[in-house]
Amino acid sequence: MIVYVNGEQENWESALTVAQWLETKQMLGKRIAVEINGSIVPKSRFEEYEIKENDVLEVIAAVGGG
């Protein structure tokens, strides 16, 4: 299945939840925001929200500094 992440096309073997995908990228538990098809996915829904064919994801990691 094809999914677009931060403007790049990715080919996945099967659907994943947001949490499963973040775990594959070693990003689960980090300060990030996930938007799918223009809508922010609340962190409380990461475990249940399934990413589907042709979804467009934008993932933004928070970086501290001063």
N, C-alpha and C. Protein backbone atom coordinates (compact mmCIF):
# COMPACT_ATOMS: atom_id res chain seq x y z
N MET A 1 0.85 -1.18 0.00
CA MET A 1 0.00 0.00 0.00
C MET A 1 0.88 1.23 0.00
N ILE A 2 0.40 2.28 -0.61
CA ILE A 2 1.17 3.52 -0.74
C ILE A 2 0.68 4.54 0.28
N VAL A 3 1.63 5.17 0.96
CA VAL A 3 1.37 6.21 1.95
C VAL A 3 2.40 7.31 1.71
N TYR A 4 2.02 8.55 1.95
CA TYR A 4 2.93 9.68 1.76
C TYR A 4 3.28 10.26 3.12
N VAL A 5 4.58 10.31 3.42
CA VAL A 5 5.05 10.80 4.71
C VAL A 5 5.98 11.98 4.47
N ASN A 6 5.58 13.14 4.97
CA ASN A 6 6.37 14.37 4.81
C ASN A 6 6.81 14.57 3.35
N GLY A 7 5.86 14.33 2.44
CA GLY A 7 6.10 14.56 1.02
C GLY A 7 6.78 13.42 0.29
N GLU A 8 7.16 12.37 0.98
CA GLU A 8 7.83 11.23 0.35
C GLU A 8 6.90 10.03 0.29
N GLN A 9 6.89 9.36 -0.85
CA GLN A 9 6.07 8.16 -1.00
C GLN A 9 6.74 6.97 -0.32
N GLU A 10 5.96 6.22 0.45
CA GLU A 10 6.45 4.99 1.08
C GLU A 10 5.53 3.84 0.67
N ASN A 11 6.11 2.68 0.46
CA ASN A 11 5.34 1.48 0.15
C ASN A 11 5.34 0.57 1.36
N TRP A 12 4.16 0.30 1.89
CA TRP A 12 4.01 -0.55 3.07
C TRP A 12 3.38 -1.87 2.66
N GLU A 13 3.74 -2.94 3.36
CA GLU A 13 3.15 -4.25 3.10
C GLU A 13 1.72 -4.34 3.61
N SER A 14 1.43 -3.64 4.72
CA SER A 14 0.08 -3.71 5.30
C SER A 14 -0.20 -2.43 6.08
N ALA A 15 -1.45 -2.26 6.45
CA ALA A 15 -1.86 -1.09 7.23
C ALA A 15 -1.27 -1.16 8.63
N LEU A 16 -0.98 0.01 9.19
CA LEU A 16 -0.46 0.13 10.55
C LEU A 16 -1.25 1.21 11.28
N THR A 17 -1.29 1.11 12.60
CA THR A 17 -1.81 2.24 13.37
C THR A 17 -0.70 3.28 13.45
N VAL A 18 -1.07 4.48 13.87
CA VAL A 18 -0.06 5.53 14.04
C VAL A 18 1.01 5.06 15.03
N ALA A 19 0.59 4.46 16.14
CA ALA A 19 1.54 3.99 17.15
C ALA A 19 2.49 2.93 16.58
N GLN A 20 1.96 2.00 15.80
CA GLN A 20 2.81 0.96 15.21
C GLN A 20 3.83 1.58 14.27
N TRP A 21 3.39 2.52 13.45
CA TRP A 21 4.30 3.16 12.51
C TRP A 21 5.38 3.94 13.26
N LEU A 22 4.97 4.71 14.29
CA LEU A 22 5.94 5.47 15.06
C LEU A 22 6.97 4.56 15.71
N GLU A 23 6.54 3.39 16.15
CA GLU A 23 7.47 2.44 16.76
C GLU A 23 8.49 1.95 15.73
N THR A 24 8.06 1.72 14.49
CA THR A 24 9.01 1.27 13.47
C THR A 24 10.06 2.34 13.18
N LYS A 25 9.71 3.59 13.41
CA LYS A 25 10.63 4.71 13.19
C LYS A 25 11.34 5.14 14.47
N GLN A 26 11.14 4.39 15.55
CA GLN A 26 11.73 4.68 16.86
C GLN A 26 11.37 6.09 17.33
N MET A 27 10.11 6.47 17.09
CA MET A 27 9.63 7.79 17.47
C MET A 27 8.51 7.73 18.51
N LEU A 28 8.05 6.53 18.84
CA LEU A 28 6.96 6.41 19.80
C LEU A 28 7.41 6.91 21.16
N GLY A 29 6.61 7.76 21.78
CA GLY A 29 6.94 8.31 23.09
C GLY A 29 7.68 9.63 23.03
N LYS A 30 8.08 10.04 21.83
CA LYS A 30 8.77 11.32 21.69
C LYS A 30 7.75 12.44 21.48
N ARG A 31 8.20 13.66 21.62
CA ARG A 31 7.32 14.82 21.43
C ARG A 31 7.15 15.08 19.94
N ILE A 32 6.03 14.59 19.42
CA ILE A 32 5.76 14.77 18.00
C ILE A 32 4.29 15.10 17.79
N ALA A 33 4.01 15.66 16.63
CA ALA A 33 2.64 15.89 16.19
C ALA A 33 2.46 15.13 14.88
N VAL A 34 1.30 14.50 14.72
CA VAL A 34 1.01 13.75 13.51
C VAL A 34 -0.28 14.31 12.90
N GLU A 35 -0.18 14.66 11.63
CA GLU A 35 -1.33 15.13 10.88
C GLU A 35 -1.57 14.14 9.75
N ILE A 36 -2.81 13.72 9.57
CA ILE A 36 -3.15 12.80 8.48
C ILE A 36 -4.26 13.43 7.66
N ASN A 37 -4.00 13.61 6.38
CA ASN A 37 -4.96 14.21 5.45
C ASN A 37 -5.50 15.54 5.97
N GLY A 38 -4.61 16.34 6.55
CA GLY A 38 -4.98 17.68 6.99
C GLY A 38 -5.57 17.79 8.38
N SER A 39 -5.72 16.66 9.08
CA SER A 39 -6.28 16.68 10.44
C SER A 39 -5.27 16.15 11.44
N ILE A 40 -5.12 16.88 12.55
CA ILE A 40 -4.23 16.44 13.62
C ILE A 40 -4.81 15.20 14.29
N VAL A 41 -3.97 14.19 14.51
CA VAL A 41 -4.39 12.99 15.23
C VAL A 41 -3.96 13.17 16.68
N PRO A 42 -4.92 13.21 17.61
CA PRO A 42 -4.55 13.36 19.03
C PRO A 42 -3.71 12.17 19.50
N LYS A 43 -2.75 12.45 20.35
CA LYS A 43 -1.88 11.39 20.88
C LYS A 43 -2.70 10.27 21.51
N SER A 44 -3.84 10.60 22.09
CA SER A 44 -4.71 9.60 22.72
C SER A 44 -5.30 8.62 21.71
N ARG A 45 -5.21 8.93 20.42
CA ARG A 45 -5.76 8.04 19.39
C ARG A 45 -4.68 7.30 18.60
N PHE A 46 -3.41 7.50 18.90
CA PHE A 46 -2.33 6.85 18.16
C PHE A 46 -2.48 5.33 18.12
N GLU A 47 -2.91 4.73 19.22
CA GLU A 47 -3.02 3.26 19.29
C GLU A 47 -4.14 2.72 18.41
N GLU A 48 -5.17 3.50 18.15
CA GLU A 48 -6.34 3.01 17.42
C GLU A 48 -6.45 3.54 15.99
N TYR A 49 -5.80 4.64 15.68
CA TYR A 49 -5.96 5.28 14.38
C TYR A 49 -5.17 4.52 13.33
N GLU A 50 -5.87 3.90 12.38
CA GLU A 50 -5.22 3.10 11.35
C GLU A 50 -4.94 3.96 10.12
N ILE A 51 -3.71 3.92 9.67
CA ILE A 51 -3.29 4.63 8.47
C ILE A 51 -3.73 3.80 7.27
N LYS A 52 -4.35 4.48 6.29
CA LYS A 52 -4.93 3.78 5.14
C LYS A 52 -4.19 4.11 3.85
N GLU A 53 -4.47 3.32 2.82
CA GLU A 53 -3.92 3.51 1.49
C GLU A 53 -4.08 4.97 1.05
N ASN A 54 -3.00 5.54 0.52
CA ASN A 54 -2.96 6.90 -0.01
C ASN A 54 -3.13 8.01 1.03
N ASP A 55 -3.05 7.68 2.32
CA ASP A 55 -3.08 8.73 3.34
C ASP A 55 -1.83 9.60 3.21
N VAL A 56 -1.99 10.86 3.58
CA VAL A 56 -0.88 11.82 3.55
C VAL A 56 -0.57 12.21 4.98
N LEU A 57 0.62 11.84 5.44
CA LEU A 57 1.04 12.13 6.81
C LEU A 57 2.06 13.26 6.83
N GLU A 58 1.92 14.11 7.82
CA GLU A 58 2.94 15.11 8.14
C GLU A 58 3.32 14.85 9.58
N VAL A 59 4.59 14.62 9.82
CA VAL A 59 5.07 14.31 11.17
C VAL A 59 6.09 15.38 11.55
N ILE A 60 5.84 16.02 12.69
CA ILE A 60 6.70 17.10 13.14
C ILE A 60 7.21 16.77 14.53
N ALA A 61 8.52 16.79 14.70
CA ALA A 61 9.14 16.52 16.00
C ALA A 61 9.46 17.84 16.67
N ALA A 62 9.10 17.95 17.95
CA ALA A 62 9.42 19.15 18.74
C ALA A 62 10.89 19.10 19.15
N VAL A 63 11.54 20.24 19.02
CA VAL A 63 12.95 20.34 19.38
C VAL A 63 13.09 21.47 20.39
N GLY A 64 13.69 21.15 21.52
CA GLY A 64 13.90 22.17 22.55
C GLY A 64 15.16 22.96 22.29
N GLY A 65 15.21 24.10 22.83
CA GLY A 65 16.40 24.92 22.67
C GLY A 65 16.17 26.29 23.28
N GLY A 66 17.14 27.11 23.16
CA GLY A 66 16.96 28.43 23.74
C GLY A 66 17.97 29.40 23.27
